[in-house]
Amino acid sequence: MPKWCCWPARNVAETMPPFVGHLRGAVQIVIDPRRSATAGQAVAAGGWHLQPAPGTDLALALGMVHAAVTDGWLEKSYVDTRTSGFDDMWRLAASWWPERAERVTGVAAADIRTVVSLLACADRAYLLTARGIEQHASGTDTVQAFINLALALGLPGRAGSGFGTLTGQGNGQGGREHGQKADQLPGYRKLTDPAARAHVAGVWGVDPDSLPGPGRSAYELLDALGTPEGPQSLLVFGSNIAVSAPNVGHIRERLAALRLLVVADVVLSETAAMADVVFPVAQFAEEEGTLTNLEGRVLRRRRALPPPDGVRTDLEVLSGLARHLGQPADRFPADPREVFEELRAASAGGPADYAGITYERLDAAERTGGLHWPCPTVDHPGTPRLFLDRFAHPDGLARFVPVEAVGPAEPVDRTFPLYATTGRLLEHYQSGAQTRRVAELMDTTGEQFVDVHPPTPPNGPGWPTER
C-alpha cells in the first residue's frame, strides 16, 4: 500500500467505495475544485485537499513540477538514466513557479511546495488521475503534466510507487488494452503498425489490408452520426449516451438522425427508448469472462446465475449479427473461453501480452494474488510491476513531454459568472439508468440537483431572476 496517494480530481469515496477500503493507512492528497466526500475523508485522516479553480488543473500540475525541480526534489539519477526529453519539458514548466500557479489556480504556493515535498520524501507514493482532469478540453496535456511530475520524482517502476489512471467502469482497463479505442488492436497494439496489423490479421484469418485505419474519437463519432460523412446506423451496448454524452442536446439530435439505432441493454434507458430495435441482454452477474484492474491484474469473472429465457449475452448478440452478415460462424464465437483463447493469440507479443494467461492459471492464481500482464508464456509468472527495467519505447526510456497551460475552454465573465462542473453520487451509477429505478436510492438522493457555492449572489450579473 502506498504511504501517500495523490488523486487529481477523482471522487473515489462515492464512485469506488470498495477501493477506498484498500487505502486505509495511506495519506491521501486530493485535488478537486469541490469539497467532495473523498476530499473530506482525506482531510479528516490527516491528508490534504488542494482546491484549484475549475479548468486550472494543468497550471497546478506545472507548478508542482516546478516545485519538484527548484526545491531539490528532482530524482536526477532516475531522470538521467531512465528518461528522455526533460530539457524540452522544463523550458515550458520553468515559467510556472508556484506563486504564478497560485494566482491562476487559487492554491497557495506554500501548499504546492509542501505537497510535492511529501510525495518526494515518501517511501511509497502514487499519482492517480481519472475523469476529473482527463475530460477537459486540455485533458491529454493535463494528464501528461502529472506524468511529468511522477517521472521527475522517480515514481514509475519503483516498488510501491508509480503513476496510474482510474477507469470509470469495471473493466475499462481491459477494454482499453484490447481494441476498445478506434486506433488500437488487441494487446495495446497500434492500428498503424504494419507488424501489428499482420499479426492480428493472421489470428483472425483476414487480409491485413482489410483492417481499417484509425477511426474517429468517441465524440467525433457521435457528432458525425446521421451526417453524409458519418455512420447511418449505430449499435450501442450498455451506454446511455442520450444522457451522458457531452453536448447532450446536440447528440440527441444526431441519434435521431440515424436511419437505424440498435441498443443492447439490461434496462430501457433513455438511449434505448430512442432506438428502433432493443436487444435485452444479460447483466454482469449472468455473464462469464475476465476483468483487468488498474495494475494489470487479470481476474476471472464467473456467472452467478443464468440469464432469463430468451435473453442473450453480448457475445451471443455479436455472434448472431456476424453470422447474419455473412461471417463464418467460427470467426465470432459466443463462448467466453473461446473468445479468451483468441485474445491470447491476438495479444501475443504486444505490450499487453495475455498469451501465457489461461482460465486454469487464473483459477489457481486466485490463491496467490492473481496474474498480471505481460505474461508471454504459460510458464511465465506474470509482471506485477511494469517498467522496473525499461519503458515501452525502443530505447527503453520514458518520455517527458512539454505541455503548456491554456486555461479553461470557457472562462467566466460578467454574462456567465459561474463555473459549472459535474459530479457523481454514491447512490447512483453513471447516468442512473439502473439505480434510479430503485426506490430506496431515489428516496435517499431524490432527483438531479445543483449545488451552488454559498456566497453566490442570488441576482448577480448573469444570474437568473427565477430558479
Protein backbone atom coordinates (compact mmCIF):
# COMPACT_ATOMS: atom_id res chain seq x y z
CA MET A 1 0.00 0.00 0.00
CA PRO A 2 1.42 3.41 -0.90
CA LYS A 3 2.08 5.69 2.04
CA TRP A 4 0.97 8.75 0.06
CA CYS A 5 -1.67 8.71 -2.65
CA CYS A 6 -2.45 11.78 -4.80
CA TRP A 7 -5.84 11.96 -6.56
CA PRO A 8 -6.19 14.70 -9.18
CA ALA A 9 -9.99 15.20 -9.38
CA ARG A 10 -11.46 11.80 -8.65
CA ASN A 11 -14.17 11.32 -6.00
CA VAL A 12 -13.41 7.67 -5.23
CA ALA A 13 -15.27 7.76 -1.91
CA GLU A 14 -18.51 7.93 -3.88
CA THR A 15 -17.57 6.28 -7.17
CA MET A 16 -15.38 3.42 -5.91
CA PRO A 17 -16.22 2.79 -2.22
CA PRO A 18 -14.64 -0.72 -2.08
CA PHE A 19 -11.38 0.71 -3.43
CA VAL A 20 -11.26 3.30 -0.64
CA GLY A 21 -11.16 0.46 1.85
CA HIS A 22 -7.78 -0.57 0.44
CA LEU A 23 -6.37 2.89 1.22
CA ARG A 24 -6.55 2.60 4.99
CA GLY A 25 -3.16 3.63 6.31
CA ALA A 26 -2.32 5.73 3.25
CA VAL A 27 -2.32 9.52 3.49
CA GLN A 28 -4.33 10.98 0.62
CA ILE A 29 -3.82 14.21 -1.30
CA VAL A 30 -6.98 15.11 -3.18
CA ILE A 31 -7.02 17.69 -5.99
CA ASP A 32 -10.61 18.74 -6.69
CA PRO A 33 -12.45 22.04 -7.17
CA ARG A 34 -15.24 20.62 -4.98
CA ARG A 35 -15.11 19.62 -1.33
CA SER A 36 -16.08 16.09 -2.29
CA ALA A 37 -16.59 13.18 0.06
CA THR A 38 -13.10 11.98 -0.86
CA ALA A 39 -11.59 15.36 -0.01
CA GLY A 40 -13.44 15.42 3.31
CA GLN A 41 -12.21 11.94 4.21
CA ALA A 42 -8.65 12.83 3.25
CA VAL A 43 -8.54 15.95 5.42
CA ALA A 44 -10.20 14.17 8.36
CA ALA A 45 -7.50 11.49 8.19
CA GLY A 46 -4.62 13.99 8.14
CA GLY A 47 -4.29 14.34 4.37
CA TRP A 48 -4.59 17.31 2.05
CA HIS A 49 -7.18 18.88 -0.22
CA LEU A 50 -5.87 21.17 -2.95
CA GLN A 51 -8.83 23.10 -4.39
CA PRO A 52 -7.94 24.68 -7.77
CA ALA A 53 -10.43 26.76 -9.72
CA PRO A 54 -12.20 24.63 -12.37
CA GLY A 55 -10.15 24.21 -15.52
CA THR A 56 -6.80 25.12 -13.92
CA ASP A 57 -5.52 21.62 -13.11
CA LEU A 58 -2.81 21.86 -15.77
CA ALA A 59 -1.42 25.07 -14.27
CA LEU A 60 -1.37 23.37 -10.87
CA ALA A 61 0.47 20.34 -12.26
CA LEU A 62 3.07 22.60 -13.88
CA GLY A 63 3.51 24.44 -10.58
CA MET A 64 4.08 21.10 -8.86
CA VAL A 65 6.68 20.12 -11.47
CA HIS A 66 8.40 23.46 -10.93
CA ALA A 67 8.48 22.91 -7.16
CA ALA A 68 9.89 19.40 -7.63
CA VAL A 69 12.80 20.77 -9.66
CA THR A 70 13.60 24.05 -7.89
CA ASP A 71 13.07 22.81 -4.33
CA GLY A 72 15.56 19.99 -4.78
CA TRP A 73 13.21 17.02 -5.13
CA LEU A 74 14.20 16.08 -8.70
CA GLU A 75 15.42 12.45 -8.84
CA LYS A 76 18.29 13.37 -11.12
CA SER A 77 19.87 9.92 -11.41
CA TYR A 78 16.47 8.48 -12.37
CA VAL A 79 15.83 11.28 -14.88
CA ASP A 80 19.30 10.86 -16.41
CA THR A 81 19.19 7.08 -16.76
CA ARG A 82 15.52 6.22 -17.22
CA THR A 83 14.00 9.14 -19.16
CA SER A 84 14.46 11.48 -22.11
CA GLY A 85 13.09 14.89 -23.04
CA PHE A 86 13.48 16.57 -19.65
CA ASP A 87 15.12 19.73 -21.01
CA ASP A 88 12.35 20.39 -23.54
CA MET A 89 9.71 19.81 -20.87
CA TRP A 90 11.47 22.11 -18.42
CA ARG A 91 11.68 25.01 -20.89
CA LEU A 92 7.92 25.39 -20.53
CA ALA A 93 7.48 24.28 -16.92
CA ALA A 94 10.23 26.66 -15.75
CA SER A 95 7.87 29.61 -16.15
CA TRP A 96 5.28 28.09 -13.81
CA TRP A 97 6.78 28.87 -10.40
CA PRO A 98 4.33 28.05 -7.58
CA GLU A 99 3.47 31.72 -6.94
CA ARG A 100 2.32 32.09 -10.55
CA ALA A 101 0.38 28.83 -10.27
CA GLU A 102 -1.25 30.22 -7.12
CA ARG A 103 -2.51 33.31 -8.96
CA VAL A 104 -4.10 31.13 -11.64
CA THR A 105 -5.41 28.23 -9.55
CA GLY A 106 -6.08 29.74 -6.14
CA VAL A 107 -3.96 27.01 -4.48
CA ALA A 108 -1.40 28.53 -2.13
CA ALA A 109 2.20 28.28 -3.31
CA ALA A 110 3.21 27.04 0.15
CA ASP A 111 0.71 24.17 -0.14
CA ILE A 112 2.02 23.28 -3.59
CA ARG A 113 5.55 23.06 -2.25
CA THR A 114 4.54 21.10 0.84
CA VAL A 115 2.55 18.50 -1.06
CA VAL A 116 5.37 17.96 -3.56
CA SER A 117 7.86 17.50 -0.72
CA LEU A 118 5.58 14.93 0.93
CA LEU A 119 5.33 12.93 -2.29
CA ALA A 120 9.08 13.17 -2.86
CA CYS A 121 10.04 12.07 0.65
CA ALA A 122 7.60 9.19 0.98
CA ASP A 123 8.97 5.66 0.70
CA ARG A 124 5.88 4.79 -1.34
CA ALA A 125 3.84 7.31 -3.30
CA TYR A 126 1.34 7.03 -6.11
CA LEU A 127 -0.18 9.55 -8.53
CA LEU A 128 -3.58 8.57 -9.94
CA THR A 129 -5.60 10.58 -12.47
CA ALA A 130 -9.12 9.99 -13.74
CA ARG A 131 -12.15 11.54 -15.43
CA GLY A 132 -11.99 14.78 -13.45
CA ILE A 133 -8.95 16.05 -15.33
CA GLU A 134 -8.98 13.82 -18.39
CA GLN A 135 -12.22 15.15 -19.84
CA HIS A 136 -11.20 18.80 -20.00
CA ALA A 137 -10.56 20.41 -23.37
CA SER A 138 -6.86 20.09 -22.45
CA GLY A 139 -7.24 16.77 -20.64
CA THR A 140 -4.47 14.95 -22.52
CA ASP A 141 -1.94 17.67 -21.71
CA THR A 142 -3.05 17.74 -18.07
CA VAL A 143 -2.51 14.02 -17.65
CA GLN A 144 0.87 14.36 -19.34
CA ALA A 145 1.85 17.09 -16.88
CA PHE A 146 1.12 14.76 -13.97
CA ILE A 147 3.11 12.01 -15.71
CA ASN A 148 5.98 14.52 -15.97
CA LEU A 149 5.66 15.11 -12.22
CA ALA A 150 5.73 11.38 -11.48
CA LEU A 151 8.84 10.97 -13.65
CA ALA A 152 10.56 13.95 -12.05
CA LEU A 153 10.03 12.31 -8.65
CA GLY A 154 11.18 8.92 -9.94
CA LEU A 155 7.95 7.13 -9.08
CA PRO A 156 7.16 4.86 -12.09
CA GLY A 157 8.75 1.45 -11.75
CA ARG A 158 9.61 1.89 -8.07
CA ALA A 159 8.11 -0.75 -5.78
CA GLY A 160 5.01 0.62 -4.06
CA SER A 161 5.05 3.80 -6.16
CA GLY A 162 4.09 4.93 -9.62
CA PHE A 163 1.50 6.58 -11.82
CA GLY A 164 -1.85 5.22 -12.98
CA THR A 165 -5.29 6.14 -14.27
CA LEU A 166 -8.55 5.07 -12.70
CA THR A 167 -11.28 3.87 -15.02
CA GLY A 168 -14.95 4.74 -14.75
CA GLN A 169 -16.26 1.22 -15.39
CA GLY A 170 -15.47 -2.22 -14.03
CA ASN A 171 -13.43 -3.45 -16.99
CA GLY A 172 -12.39 -0.14 -18.51
CA GLN A 173 -8.75 -1.18 -18.28
CA GLY A 174 -9.34 -4.48 -20.08
CA GLY A 175 -11.27 -2.76 -22.85
CA ARG A 176 -8.53 -0.22 -23.46
CA GLU A 177 -5.94 -2.96 -23.73
CA HIS A 178 -7.69 -4.88 -26.45
CA GLY A 179 -9.05 -2.53 -29.05
CA GLN A 180 -11.77 -0.51 -27.35
CA LYS A 181 -10.26 2.65 -28.80
CA ALA A 182 -10.53 3.36 -32.52
CA ASP A 183 -6.76 3.47 -33.02
CA GLN A 184 -5.79 0.21 -31.32
CA LEU A 185 -5.64 -3.54 -31.86
CA PRO A 186 -5.60 -6.25 -29.16
CA GLY A 187 -2.61 -6.17 -26.82
CA TYR A 188 -2.20 -2.35 -26.86
CA ARG A 189 -1.00 -2.59 -30.44
CA LYS A 190 -1.24 0.42 -32.72
CA LEU A 191 -3.54 0.15 -35.70
CA THR A 192 -0.95 2.00 -37.78
CA ASP A 193 1.81 -0.55 -37.08
CA PRO A 194 2.23 -2.86 -40.14
CA ALA A 195 3.64 -5.68 -37.99
CA ALA A 196 0.74 -5.42 -35.54
CA ARG A 197 -1.78 -5.43 -38.40
CA ALA A 198 -0.17 -8.51 -39.94
CA HIS A 199 -0.13 -10.40 -36.62
CA VAL A 200 -3.75 -9.72 -35.69
CA ALA A 201 -4.99 -10.28 -39.24
CA GLY A 202 -3.25 -13.66 -39.18
CA VAL A 203 -5.08 -14.61 -35.99
CA TRP A 204 -8.38 -13.51 -37.49
CA GLY A 205 -7.73 -15.13 -40.86
CA VAL A 206 -8.18 -11.96 -42.90
CA ASP A 207 -6.05 -9.82 -45.21
CA PRO A 208 -4.14 -7.11 -43.24
CA ASP A 209 -5.27 -4.57 -45.85
CA SER A 210 -8.88 -5.30 -44.91
CA LEU A 211 -8.31 -3.82 -41.44
CA PRO A 212 -9.40 -0.18 -41.28
CA GLY A 213 -7.21 2.73 -40.31
CA PRO A 214 -7.61 4.69 -37.07
CA GLY A 215 -11.17 5.93 -36.63
CA ARG A 216 -12.78 8.96 -35.08
CA SER A 217 -12.63 9.74 -31.38
CA ALA A 218 -15.77 8.98 -29.38
CA TYR A 219 -17.20 12.49 -29.57
CA GLU A 220 -16.22 12.92 -33.22
CA LEU A 221 -18.07 9.70 -33.98
CA LEU A 222 -21.20 10.84 -32.14
CA ASP A 223 -21.04 14.26 -33.78
CA ALA A 224 -20.97 12.62 -37.23
CA LEU A 225 -23.98 10.34 -36.71
CA GLY A 226 -26.56 10.66 -39.44
CA THR A 227 -24.49 13.09 -41.50
CA PRO A 228 -23.48 12.39 -45.12
CA GLU A 229 -19.90 11.70 -43.99
CA GLY A 230 -20.82 9.74 -40.87
CA PRO A 231 -22.45 6.45 -39.83
CA GLN A 232 -26.09 5.94 -40.72
CA SER A 233 -26.63 3.18 -38.15
CA LEU A 234 -25.31 2.57 -34.66
CA LEU A 235 -25.22 -0.40 -32.28
CA VAL A 236 -24.86 0.60 -28.61
CA PHE A 237 -24.01 -1.81 -25.79
CA GLY A 238 -24.95 -0.66 -22.30
CA SER A 239 -24.15 3.04 -22.73
CA ASN A 240 -26.73 5.74 -22.08
CA ILE A 241 -25.26 8.33 -24.43
CA ALA A 242 -28.56 10.20 -24.72
CA VAL A 243 -27.89 11.34 -21.14
CA SER A 244 -24.13 11.07 -20.57
CA ALA A 245 -22.59 12.39 -23.81
CA PRO A 246 -21.04 15.87 -23.94
CA ASN A 247 -23.27 18.48 -25.57
CA VAL A 248 -26.09 16.05 -24.99
CA GLY A 249 -28.83 18.07 -26.73
CA HIS A 250 -26.85 18.05 -29.95
CA ILE A 251 -26.02 14.34 -29.61
CA ARG A 252 -29.70 13.50 -29.15
CA GLU A 253 -30.34 15.24 -32.48
CA ARG A 254 -27.61 13.17 -34.10
CA LEU A 255 -29.07 9.93 -32.67
CA ALA A 256 -32.47 10.89 -34.03
CA ALA A 257 -30.95 11.48 -37.47
CA LEU A 258 -29.76 7.86 -37.78
CA ARG A 259 -31.51 5.52 -40.15
CA LEU A 260 -31.15 2.70 -37.60
CA LEU A 261 -30.35 2.80 -33.88
CA VAL A 262 -29.98 -0.52 -32.06
CA VAL A 263 -29.37 -0.69 -28.29
CA ALA A 264 -28.41 -3.74 -26.23
CA ASP A 265 -29.04 -3.14 -22.53
CA VAL A 266 -30.49 -4.62 -19.36
CA VAL A 267 -32.93 -1.72 -18.85
CA LEU A 268 -34.87 0.64 -21.10
CA SER A 269 -32.53 3.60 -20.75
CA GLU A 270 -33.16 6.98 -22.36
CA THR A 271 -30.97 5.86 -25.26
CA ALA A 272 -32.83 2.55 -25.59
CA ALA A 273 -36.13 4.47 -25.64
CA MET A 274 -34.91 6.25 -28.79
CA ALA A 275 -33.87 3.02 -30.52
CA ASP A 276 -35.51 1.28 -33.45
CA VAL A 277 -34.52 -2.11 -32.02
CA VAL A 278 -33.68 -3.06 -28.43
CA PHE A 279 -31.89 -6.30 -27.51
CA PRO A 280 -32.40 -7.33 -23.88
CA VAL A 281 -29.03 -8.71 -22.81
CA ALA A 282 -27.56 -10.43 -19.78
CA GLN A 283 -26.28 -8.35 -16.89
CA PHE A 284 -22.85 -8.70 -15.30
CA ALA A 285 -23.83 -11.46 -12.85
CA GLU A 286 -25.25 -13.50 -15.72
CA GLU A 287 -22.11 -13.46 -17.85
CA GLU A 288 -18.69 -15.05 -17.69
CA GLY A 289 -15.30 -13.71 -18.70
CA THR A 290 -12.35 -11.76 -17.34
CA LEU A 291 -11.73 -8.35 -15.85
CA THR A 292 -8.47 -6.41 -15.71
CA ASN A 293 -7.82 -3.87 -12.97
CA LEU A 294 -5.69 -0.75 -12.72
CA GLU A 295 -2.45 -2.62 -12.06
CA GLY A 296 -2.85 -5.06 -14.96
CA ARG A 297 -4.13 -7.89 -12.76
CA VAL A 298 -6.37 -10.22 -14.78
CA LEU A 299 -9.29 -11.66 -12.85
CA ARG A 300 -11.82 -14.39 -13.61
CA ARG A 301 -15.47 -13.39 -13.55
CA ARG A 302 -17.82 -16.32 -13.04
CA ARG A 303 -21.50 -16.44 -13.86
CA ALA A 304 -23.56 -16.25 -10.67
CA LEU A 305 -26.87 -17.24 -12.28
CA PRO A 306 -28.18 -17.88 -15.78
CA PRO A 307 -29.99 -15.10 -17.68
CA PRO A 308 -33.78 -15.35 -18.13
CA ASP A 309 -35.12 -17.35 -21.04
CA GLY A 310 -34.72 -15.52 -24.34
CA VAL A 311 -32.06 -13.12 -23.03
CA ARG A 312 -28.76 -13.26 -24.91
CA THR A 313 -25.29 -12.40 -23.72
CA ASP A 314 -23.38 -9.63 -25.51
CA LEU A 315 -21.24 -12.26 -27.22
CA GLU A 316 -24.33 -14.11 -28.46
CA VAL A 317 -25.72 -10.89 -29.94
CA LEU A 318 -22.46 -10.12 -31.74
CA SER A 319 -22.06 -13.70 -32.93
CA GLY A 320 -25.61 -13.80 -34.30
CA LEU A 321 -25.27 -10.47 -36.08
CA ALA A 322 -21.95 -11.52 -37.61
CA ARG A 323 -23.44 -14.73 -39.00
CA HIS A 324 -26.39 -12.83 -40.47
CA LEU A 325 -23.88 -10.50 -42.14
CA GLY A 326 -22.23 -13.48 -43.82
CA GLN A 327 -19.27 -14.07 -41.50
CA PRO A 328 -18.11 -17.65 -40.82
CA ALA A 329 -19.64 -18.98 -37.60
CA ASP A 330 -16.23 -19.85 -36.11
CA ARG A 331 -14.92 -16.30 -36.54
CA PHE A 332 -17.28 -14.86 -33.93
CA PRO A 333 -17.64 -17.48 -31.18
CA ALA A 334 -20.19 -16.89 -28.43
CA ASP A 335 -18.38 -18.93 -25.77
CA PRO A 336 -16.31 -16.69 -23.44
CA ARG A 337 -13.47 -19.18 -23.14
CA GLU A 338 -13.12 -19.45 -26.92
CA VAL A 339 -13.01 -15.67 -27.18
CA PHE A 340 -10.35 -15.52 -24.48
CA GLU A 341 -8.24 -18.08 -26.33
CA GLU A 342 -8.44 -15.86 -29.41
CA LEU A 343 -7.46 -12.88 -27.29
CA ARG A 344 -4.41 -14.76 -26.02
CA ALA A 345 -3.27 -15.34 -29.60
CA ALA A 346 -4.11 -11.82 -30.82
CA SER A 347 -2.29 -10.12 -27.92
CA ALA A 348 0.79 -12.36 -28.08
CA GLY A 349 3.93 -10.27 -28.43
CA GLY A 350 2.13 -7.00 -27.76
CA PRO A 351 2.69 -4.69 -24.78
CA ALA A 352 -0.40 -6.17 -23.05
CA ASP A 353 0.52 -9.80 -23.73
CA TYR A 354 -2.04 -12.32 -22.43
CA ALA A 355 -0.56 -15.32 -24.28
CA GLY A 356 0.52 -17.08 -21.07
CA ILE A 357 -2.72 -16.47 -19.20
CA THR A 358 -5.28 -19.28 -19.20
CA TYR A 359 -8.50 -19.86 -17.31
CA GLU A 360 -6.76 -22.65 -15.39
CA ARG A 361 -3.90 -20.35 -14.35
CA LEU A 362 -6.35 -17.62 -13.34
CA ASP A 363 -8.24 -20.11 -11.17
CA ALA A 364 -5.02 -21.18 -9.46
CA ALA A 365 -3.76 -17.60 -9.15
CA GLU A 366 -6.77 -16.56 -7.09
CA ARG A 367 -4.99 -18.13 -4.12
CA THR A 368 -1.66 -16.42 -4.83
CA GLY A 369 -2.65 -12.88 -5.80
CA GLY A 370 -3.55 -13.12 -9.48
CA LEU A 371 -1.71 -12.86 -12.79
CA HIS A 372 -0.54 -9.59 -14.29
CA TRP A 373 0.19 -8.86 -17.94
CA PRO A 374 2.50 -9.02 -19.79
CA CYS A 375 2.59 -12.77 -19.41
CA PRO A 376 4.03 -14.14 -22.67
CA THR A 377 4.18 -17.88 -21.91
CA VAL A 378 2.29 -20.36 -19.75
CA ASP A 379 5.34 -20.81 -17.50
CA HIS A 380 5.88 -17.03 -17.10
CA PRO A 381 5.00 -15.70 -13.62
CA GLY A 382 3.40 -12.52 -14.95
CA THR A 383 4.59 -8.95 -14.38
CA PRO A 384 3.21 -7.36 -11.20
CA ARG A 385 5.45 -4.31 -11.60
CA LEU A 386 5.87 -2.71 -15.01
CA PHE A 387 8.84 -0.56 -16.01
CA LEU A 388 11.33 -1.89 -13.49
CA ASP A 389 14.00 -2.12 -16.18
CA ARG A 390 12.67 -0.32 -19.25
CA PHE A 391 9.68 1.59 -20.62
CA ALA A 392 7.67 0.75 -23.74
CA HIS A 393 9.84 2.66 -26.21
CA PRO A 394 12.57 1.31 -28.49
CA ASP A 395 15.28 2.86 -26.31
CA GLY A 396 13.58 1.76 -23.08
CA LEU A 397 13.33 5.33 -21.78
CA ALA A 398 10.23 7.13 -20.51
CA ARG A 399 9.34 10.37 -22.27
CA PHE A 400 8.91 13.78 -20.71
CA VAL A 401 6.52 15.73 -22.93
CA PRO A 402 6.42 19.55 -22.92
CA VAL A 403 2.94 20.95 -22.23
CA GLU A 404 1.63 24.45 -21.57
CA ALA A 405 -1.42 25.61 -19.64
CA VAL A 406 -4.06 27.40 -21.69
CA GLY A 407 -6.81 27.78 -19.09
CA PRO A 408 -10.47 26.76 -19.23
CA ALA A 409 -12.04 26.48 -22.66
CA GLU A 410 -14.91 28.71 -21.43
CA PRO A 411 -13.68 31.26 -18.86
CA VAL A 412 -16.19 33.09 -16.71
CA ASP A 413 -17.19 36.68 -17.48
CA ARG A 414 -19.88 39.17 -16.42
CA THR A 415 -22.51 37.50 -18.57
CA PHE A 416 -21.63 33.98 -17.42
CA PRO A 417 -20.04 34.46 -13.99
CA LEU A 418 -20.28 30.91 -12.63
CA TYR A 419 -18.25 27.79 -13.24
CA ALA A 420 -20.32 24.63 -13.81
CA THR A 421 -18.84 21.20 -13.27
CA THR A 422 -20.28 17.73 -12.87
CA GLY A 423 -20.01 15.15 -10.14
CA ARG A 424 -21.18 11.66 -9.26
CA LEU A 425 -23.15 10.30 -6.33
CA LEU A 426 -22.56 7.31 -4.11
CA GLU A 427 -26.15 6.15 -4.56
CA HIS A 428 -26.26 6.30 -8.36
CA TYR A 429 -24.09 4.75 -11.03
CA GLN A 430 -23.23 6.76 -14.12
CA SER A 431 -26.43 8.15 -15.70
CA GLY A 432 -28.61 6.26 -13.21
CA ALA A 433 -30.33 4.15 -15.87
CA GLN A 434 -30.37 1.25 -13.41
CA THR A 435 -30.02 2.82 -9.99
CA ARG A 436 -32.75 5.43 -10.46
CA ARG A 437 -35.21 2.55 -10.74
CA VAL A 438 -34.50 1.62 -7.11
CA ALA A 439 -36.95 3.40 -4.82
CA GLU A 440 -34.69 3.30 -1.79
CA LEU A 441 -31.89 5.05 -3.68
CA MET A 442 -34.25 7.66 -5.07
CA ASP A 443 -35.60 8.30 -1.57
CA THR A 444 -32.03 8.94 -0.43
CA THR A 445 -30.98 11.42 -3.10
CA GLY A 446 -34.14 12.44 -4.94
CA GLU A 447 -33.98 13.92 -8.41
CA GLN A 448 -30.97 15.57 -10.01
CA PHE A 449 -29.84 18.68 -8.19
CA VAL A 450 -27.39 21.57 -8.44
CA ASP A 451 -25.00 22.60 -5.68
CA VAL A 452 -24.34 26.35 -5.62
CA HIS A 453 -21.49 27.88 -3.65
CA PRO A 454 -22.99 29.69 -0.60
CA PRO A 455 -21.57 33.19 -1.29
CA THR A 456 -23.04 33.25 -4.80
CA PRO A 457 -25.20 36.40 -5.07
CA PRO A 458 -28.79 35.40 -5.91
CA ASN A 459 -29.22 38.11 -8.54
CA GLY A 460 -25.72 38.92 -9.69
CA PRO A 461 -24.72 39.52 -13.32
CA GLY A 462 -25.94 36.67 -15.47
CA TRP A 463 -27.84 35.04 -12.60
CA PRO A 464 -31.45 34.18 -13.48
CA THR A 465 -34.16 36.07 -11.59
CA GLU A 466 -36.23 32.87 -11.28
CA ARG A 467 -34.93 29.44 -10.39
